[in-house]
Protein backbone atom coordinates (compact mmCIF):
# COMPACT_ATOMS: atom_id res chain seq x y z
CA LEU A 1 1.84 7.09 -18.20
CA ILE A 2 3.92 5.06 -15.74
CA SER A 3 2.33 4.26 -12.41
CA GLU A 4 4.33 3.50 -9.26
CA ARG A 5 2.81 2.62 -5.92
CA LYS A 6 3.11 5.01 -3.02
CA THR A 7 4.49 3.87 0.33
CA GLN A 8 3.35 5.27 3.63
CA PRO A 9 5.47 6.43 6.57
CA PRO A 10 5.79 3.91 9.38
CA ILE A 11 4.79 4.44 12.96
CA ASN A 12 7.18 6.08 15.39
CA GLU A 13 9.00 3.27 17.14
CA GLY A 14 9.77 5.24 20.26
CA ALA A 15 12.20 7.75 21.62
CA GLY A 16 15.92 7.26 21.87
CA GLY A 17 17.57 10.30 20.41
CA PRO A 18 18.17 11.17 16.77
CA MET A 19 21.50 9.41 16.49
CA ARG A 20 20.32 6.17 18.08
CA ASN A 21 16.86 5.86 16.58
CA PRO A 22 16.72 7.11 12.97
CA ARG A 23 13.07 6.18 12.48
CA ALA A 24 12.01 8.20 15.52
CA VAL A 25 13.67 11.24 13.96
CA LEU A 26 12.48 10.76 10.41
CA TYR A 27 8.82 10.03 10.91
CA PRO A 28 6.03 11.64 12.92
CA ALA A 29 4.21 9.60 15.52
CA ARG A 30 1.29 8.29 13.51
CA ALA A 31 0.23 4.88 12.36
CA ALA A 32 -0.27 4.23 8.66
CA ALA A 33 -1.09 1.07 6.78
CA ARG A 34 1.34 0.16 4.05
CA ALA A 35 0.06 0.33 0.51
CA SER A 36 -0.18 -3.09 -1.12
CA LEU A 37 -0.26 -1.97 -4.73
CA PRO A 38 2.53 -3.30 -6.96
CA LEU A 39 4.35 -1.21 -9.53
CA PHE A 40 3.18 -0.95 -13.10
CA ALA A 41 4.19 0.72 -16.30
CA LEU A 42 1.01 1.82 -18.03
CA GLY A 43 2.41 3.37 -21.20
CA VAL A 44 0.96 1.65 -24.25
CA PHE A 45 2.20 4.08 -26.86
CA SER A 46 4.83 3.91 -29.58
CA LEU A 47 6.87 6.96 -28.67
CA PRO A 48 9.43 8.92 -30.69
CA ARG A 49 12.47 10.34 -28.99
CA VAL A 50 11.82 13.72 -27.45
CA VAL A 51 13.18 16.64 -29.45
CA SER A 52 12.58 20.37 -29.25
CA PRO A 53 10.63 22.02 -27.72
CA GLN A 54 10.66 19.37 -24.97
CA ALA A 55 14.43 19.05 -25.07
CA SER A 56 14.74 22.81 -24.76
CA ALA A 57 12.92 22.55 -21.44
CA GLY A 58 15.61 20.17 -20.19
CA LEU A 59 13.47 17.04 -20.52
CA HIS A 60 14.78 13.66 -21.61
CA SER A 61 13.00 10.50 -22.61
CA ALA A 62 13.47 7.23 -24.46
CA PRO A 63 11.01 5.37 -26.69
CA MET A 64 8.61 2.80 -25.30
CA SER A 65 6.45 0.56 -27.46
CA SER A 66 4.34 -1.78 -25.35
CA LEU A 67 2.49 -2.31 -22.11
CA LYS A 68 4.96 -3.70 -19.62
CA ARG A 69 4.53 -4.83 -16.06
CA VAL A 70 7.60 -3.82 -14.11
CA PHE A 71 7.66 -5.37 -10.65
CA GLY A 72 6.07 -8.74 -10.09
CA LYS A 73 2.48 -9.78 -10.62
CA GLY A 74 -0.54 -7.65 -9.94
CA ASN A 75 -4.09 -8.67 -9.20
CA GLU A 76 -7.48 -7.61 -10.47
CA GLU A 77 -8.10 -5.22 -7.58
CA ALA A 78 -4.72 -3.53 -8.03
CA ASP A 79 -5.17 -3.29 -11.79
CA ALA A 80 -8.60 -1.75 -11.37
CA ARG A 81 -7.29 0.81 -8.90
CA VAL A 82 -4.47 1.84 -11.21
CA GLN A 83 -6.79 2.12 -14.21
CA LYS A 84 -9.26 4.18 -12.16
CA GLU A 85 -6.58 6.65 -11.11
CA VAL A 86 -5.21 6.94 -14.65
CA GLY A 87 -8.76 7.64 -15.83
CA GLU A 88 -9.14 10.36 -13.22
CA ILE A 89 -5.95 11.97 -14.46
CA LYS A 90 -7.17 11.91 -18.04
CA ASP A 91 -10.53 13.46 -17.15
CA GLY A 92 -8.90 16.11 -14.96
CA THR A 93 -10.16 14.92 -11.58
CA ILE A 94 -6.52 14.44 -10.53
CA ASN A 95 -4.63 17.41 -11.94
CA LYS A 96 -1.60 18.18 -9.80
CA ALA A 97 1.81 17.04 -11.02
CA TYR A 98 4.99 17.37 -8.97
CA PRO A 99 8.73 16.95 -9.48
CA ILE A 100 9.74 13.55 -8.08
CA LEU A 101 13.35 12.58 -7.37
CA LYS A 102 14.46 9.18 -8.67
CA PRO A 103 17.87 7.43 -8.71
CA GLY A 104 19.84 6.95 -11.89
CA ASP A 105 18.92 3.26 -12.12
CA TRP A 106 15.17 3.93 -11.88
CA VAL A 107 13.28 1.69 -14.30
CA GLY A 108 11.21 4.63 -15.52
CA ILE A 109 14.26 5.99 -17.35
CA GLN A 110 14.40 2.92 -19.60
CA LEU A 111 10.63 3.07 -20.05
CA GLY A 112 10.79 6.63 -21.33
CA ALA A 113 9.47 8.76 -18.48
CA LEU A 114 10.07 12.49 -18.82
CA ARG A 115 12.90 13.66 -16.61
CA LYS A 116 15.62 16.21 -16.01
CA THR A 117 19.10 15.10 -14.97
CA LEU A 118 20.07 16.56 -11.59
CA LEU A 119 23.32 14.63 -11.04
CA GLY A 120 25.40 12.89 -13.66
CA THR A 121 24.71 13.12 -17.39
CA PRO A 122 21.61 12.24 -19.43
CA GLU A 123 23.50 9.18 -20.69
CA LYS A 124 24.69 8.13 -17.20
CA PRO A 125 22.42 9.79 -14.66
CA LYS A 126 22.96 9.49 -10.92
CA LEU A 127 19.83 11.36 -9.91
CA VAL A 128 16.94 12.62 -12.00
CA VAL A 129 13.85 14.74 -11.51
CA ALA A 130 10.82 13.01 -12.98
CA PHE A 131 7.34 14.53 -13.10
CA GLY A 132 4.26 12.73 -11.89
CA TYR A 133 0.69 13.10 -10.73
CA ASP A 134 -0.10 12.54 -7.08
CA ALA A 135 -2.90 9.95 -7.20
CA PRO A 136 -4.27 8.42 -3.98
CA SER A 137 -2.41 5.11 -4.30
CA ASN A 138 0.21 5.82 -6.96
CA PHE A 139 2.53 8.33 -8.48
CA VAL A 140 1.67 8.42 -12.17
CA PHE A 141 4.62 9.70 -14.17
CA LEU A 142 4.47 11.80 -17.31
CA MET A 143 5.46 10.35 -20.67
CA PRO A 144 6.38 12.34 -23.80
CA ASN A 145 2.94 12.08 -25.38
CA ASP A 146 1.42 13.66 -22.26
CA LEU A 147 2.96 16.95 -23.43
CA GLU A 148 1.29 16.90 -26.82
CA GLY A 149 -0.46 20.21 -27.37
CA LYS A 150 1.08 21.70 -24.22
CA ASP A 151 3.98 24.04 -23.50
CA PRO A 152 6.65 21.91 -21.76
CA GLY A 153 8.03 24.92 -19.92
CA SER A 154 4.60 25.69 -18.48
CA VAL A 155 4.15 22.07 -17.40
CA LEU A 156 7.45 22.15 -15.51
CA LYS A 157 6.70 25.52 -13.94
CA GLN A 158 3.32 24.34 -12.68
CA ALA A 159 4.89 21.19 -11.21
CA TYR A 160 7.48 23.25 -9.32
CA ASP A 161 4.78 25.70 -8.21
CA ASN A 162 2.82 22.76 -6.79
CA LEU A 163 5.92 21.61 -4.92
CA GLU A 164 6.50 25.12 -3.60
CA ALA A 165 2.95 25.17 -2.19
CA PHE A 166 3.32 21.73 -0.60
CA GLU A 167 3.64 22.08 3.18
CA SER A 168 6.55 20.28 4.80
CA PRO A 169 7.34 21.91 8.17
CA PHE A 170 10.67 21.39 9.86
CA SER A 171 11.06 19.88 13.33
CA ALA A 172 14.24 20.34 15.36
CA SER A 173 16.01 17.52 17.20
CA ASP A 174 19.00 18.28 19.41
CA ALA A 175 21.77 15.72 19.17
CA ARG A 176 24.69 15.64 21.58
CA THR A 177 26.92 17.73 19.33
CA GLY A 178 24.48 19.69 17.16
CA LYS A 179 20.97 20.23 15.89
CA ILE A 180 19.18 18.31 13.14
CA LEU A 181 16.14 19.54 11.28
CA THR A 182 13.77 16.94 9.88
CA ALA A 183 10.91 17.41 7.46
CA SER A 184 9.71 13.88 6.93
CA GLY A 185 6.73 11.58 6.66
CA ARG A 186 4.93 13.29 3.77
CA ASP A 187 5.04 12.43 0.10
CA PHE A 188 7.20 15.29 -1.20
CA CYS A 189 9.39 16.06 1.81
CA SER A 190 12.52 14.91 -0.02
CA GLU A 191 11.70 16.94 -3.13
CA LYS A 192 11.54 20.14 -1.08
CA ILE A 193 15.32 20.31 -1.41
CA LEU A 194 14.50 21.76 -4.84
CA CYS A 195 12.67 24.72 -3.23
CA LYS A 196 14.96 27.61 -2.37
CA SER A 197 12.44 29.06 0.10
CA HIS A 198 12.38 25.79 2.04
CA MET A 199 16.14 25.59 2.28
CA ASP A 200 16.36 29.30 3.15
CA GLN A 201 14.14 28.49 6.13
CA ALA A 202 16.62 25.81 7.20
CA HIS A 203 19.48 28.30 6.91
CA GLU A 204 17.59 30.62 9.23
CA MET A 205 16.57 27.99 11.77
CA LEU A 206 20.11 26.62 12.03
CA GLU A 207 21.79 30.02 11.70
CA ALA A 208 24.04 28.34 9.17
CA GLU A 209 25.67 29.67 6.02
CA GLU A 210 26.17 26.16 4.63
CA LEU A 211 23.86 23.19 5.08
CA ILE A 212 24.34 19.48 4.72
CA VAL A 213 21.20 17.66 3.61
CA SER A 214 20.26 13.97 3.54
CA ILE A 215 17.39 12.65 1.41
CA PRO A 216 18.21 8.92 1.28
CA ARG A 217 14.65 7.70 0.67
CA ARG A 218 11.21 8.97 -0.19
CA THR A 219 9.50 11.04 2.53
CA CYS A 220 12.84 11.63 4.32
CA MET A 221 14.78 14.86 4.79
CA MET A 222 17.42 15.68 7.39
CA VAL A 223 19.34 18.95 7.52
CA ALA A 224 22.25 20.16 9.65
CA ASN A 225 24.82 22.91 9.80
CA LYS A 226 27.73 21.78 7.62
CA ASN A 227 30.20 23.50 9.97
CA CYS A 228 29.24 21.74 13.21
CA GLY A 229 32.49 19.80 13.51
CA ARG A 230 33.83 16.46 12.40
CA GLU A 231 32.26 14.38 15.18
CA PHE A 232 28.76 15.66 14.46
CA LEU A 233 29.13 15.21 10.70
CA ALA A 234 30.25 11.61 11.26
CA GLN A 235 27.11 11.02 13.33
CA PHE A 236 24.96 12.69 10.68
CA ALA A 237 26.49 10.51 7.96
CA ALA A 238 25.86 7.40 10.09
CA LEU A 239 22.21 8.39 10.47
CA HIS A 240 21.95 8.84 6.71
CA GLU A 241 23.56 5.46 6.05
CA ALA A 242 21.25 3.71 8.51
CA THR A 243 18.24 5.12 6.72
CA TRP A 244 19.64 4.38 3.27
CA SER A 245 20.27 0.74 4.22
CA ASP A 246 16.87 0.19 5.86
CA ASP A 247 14.33 -1.02 3.30
CA SER A 248 11.94 -2.45 5.88
CA TYR A 249 9.28 0.16 5.11
CA GLU A 250 9.80 0.00 1.35
CA ASN A 251 10.28 3.75 0.92
CA ALA A 252 11.94 4.09 -2.48
CA PRO A 253 15.65 5.00 -2.42
CA ILE A 254 16.73 8.36 -3.79
CA TYR A 255 20.44 9.08 -3.29
CA ASN A 256 23.24 7.66 -1.15
CA GLY A 257 25.09 10.86 -0.51
CA LEU A 258 24.87 14.22 1.21
CA PHE A 259 24.00 17.50 -0.47
CA VAL A 260 25.82 20.73 0.30
CA VAL A 261 23.43 23.69 0.17
CA LYS A 262 24.38 27.36 0.23
CA ASN A 263 22.09 30.36 -0.28
CA GLY A 264 19.18 27.92 -0.49
CA GLU A 265 20.55 26.05 -3.51
CA ILE A 266 22.47 22.82 -4.05
CA GLN A 267 26.18 23.57 -4.49
CA GLY A 268 27.60 20.04 -4.52
CA THR A 269 27.36 16.53 -3.11
CA ILE A 270 29.34 14.12 -0.98
CA ASP A 271 28.92 10.65 -2.50
CA LEU A 272 29.07 8.09 0.32
CA GLY A 273 29.25 5.26 -2.18
CA ILE A 274 27.64 2.54 -0.03
CA LYS A 275 25.38 0.36 -2.13
C-alpha cells in the first residue's frame, strides 16, 4: 500500500466574483485545519509486474522492493497514524476504495501503484486513474498484491460505484459573460468528471451540448458551456491557470488543461501547457 496525506479545503477568503477571486468560487465557506501528515510509501513487498488478469482490467504497475519514504521526514505520531489506518484497511474497518486522479509524474507510478492511463500512454502517461482507500488522514493506494485472490474487474467496478454514490452538488456562479458551475471542497469532487451522471447534470443545468471542465487540483471542479464565446472562455482559462499555479493550500495538482465533455463523457482536452 502507498499512503498519501489528504489536504483540506481552505476557508472562503471573501466575495469578489468568480473571475476575480478563484478561491471564493472553488471552496465553500467553512474553516478547516490543514493536515500535517507527510507522504509515505508503505509498500514493503517484492512485487512482480502485473500480468493478466490484472492487465486485462486495464491496470498497470511496476515492481517495488522496499519500504521507501517519499516526501521528507516523518515523525512518530505521523508514522503511528499511518500504520493505524493501514491496519484498519487490512481488518476491513476502512473498506471503501475510490478512483483517484493523479498526474503523469506522480511518484506512485514509479512505486508500482495500480492505475489506468486516462491521458497519454502507459509508458508516458499524462494523467492516470489510481485506486485508493479513503482513510481519515490519508489516501492509501492499492498495490498489485492487494488484488491477490480478488477479481480485478470487480475491484474497479466497486471503486467506481463508490465514486458514483459520492455526493458532490453543483453550485452556480454567474460571471459577467456566462455561468460557471463549481463542485468543490470535498475529497472526490475532481474525480466526479469520471461519472457520466454527474456530467449529465451539468449539461442540464447549463443547457449546454458541450462542456468545458477544469480540474486543476484535488477537490476542485469548474464547469462551463464550451460555446459561451471567446471572451468567457479566456476568463475561464485564466481562472483555471490561477488555481493551477496556486499551491498555497497544498492541494495536489491533477492536470493543467481543460476537458471537453459531450454526452456526459470526456471527448478531448485542451492542454494549456503552463508548468
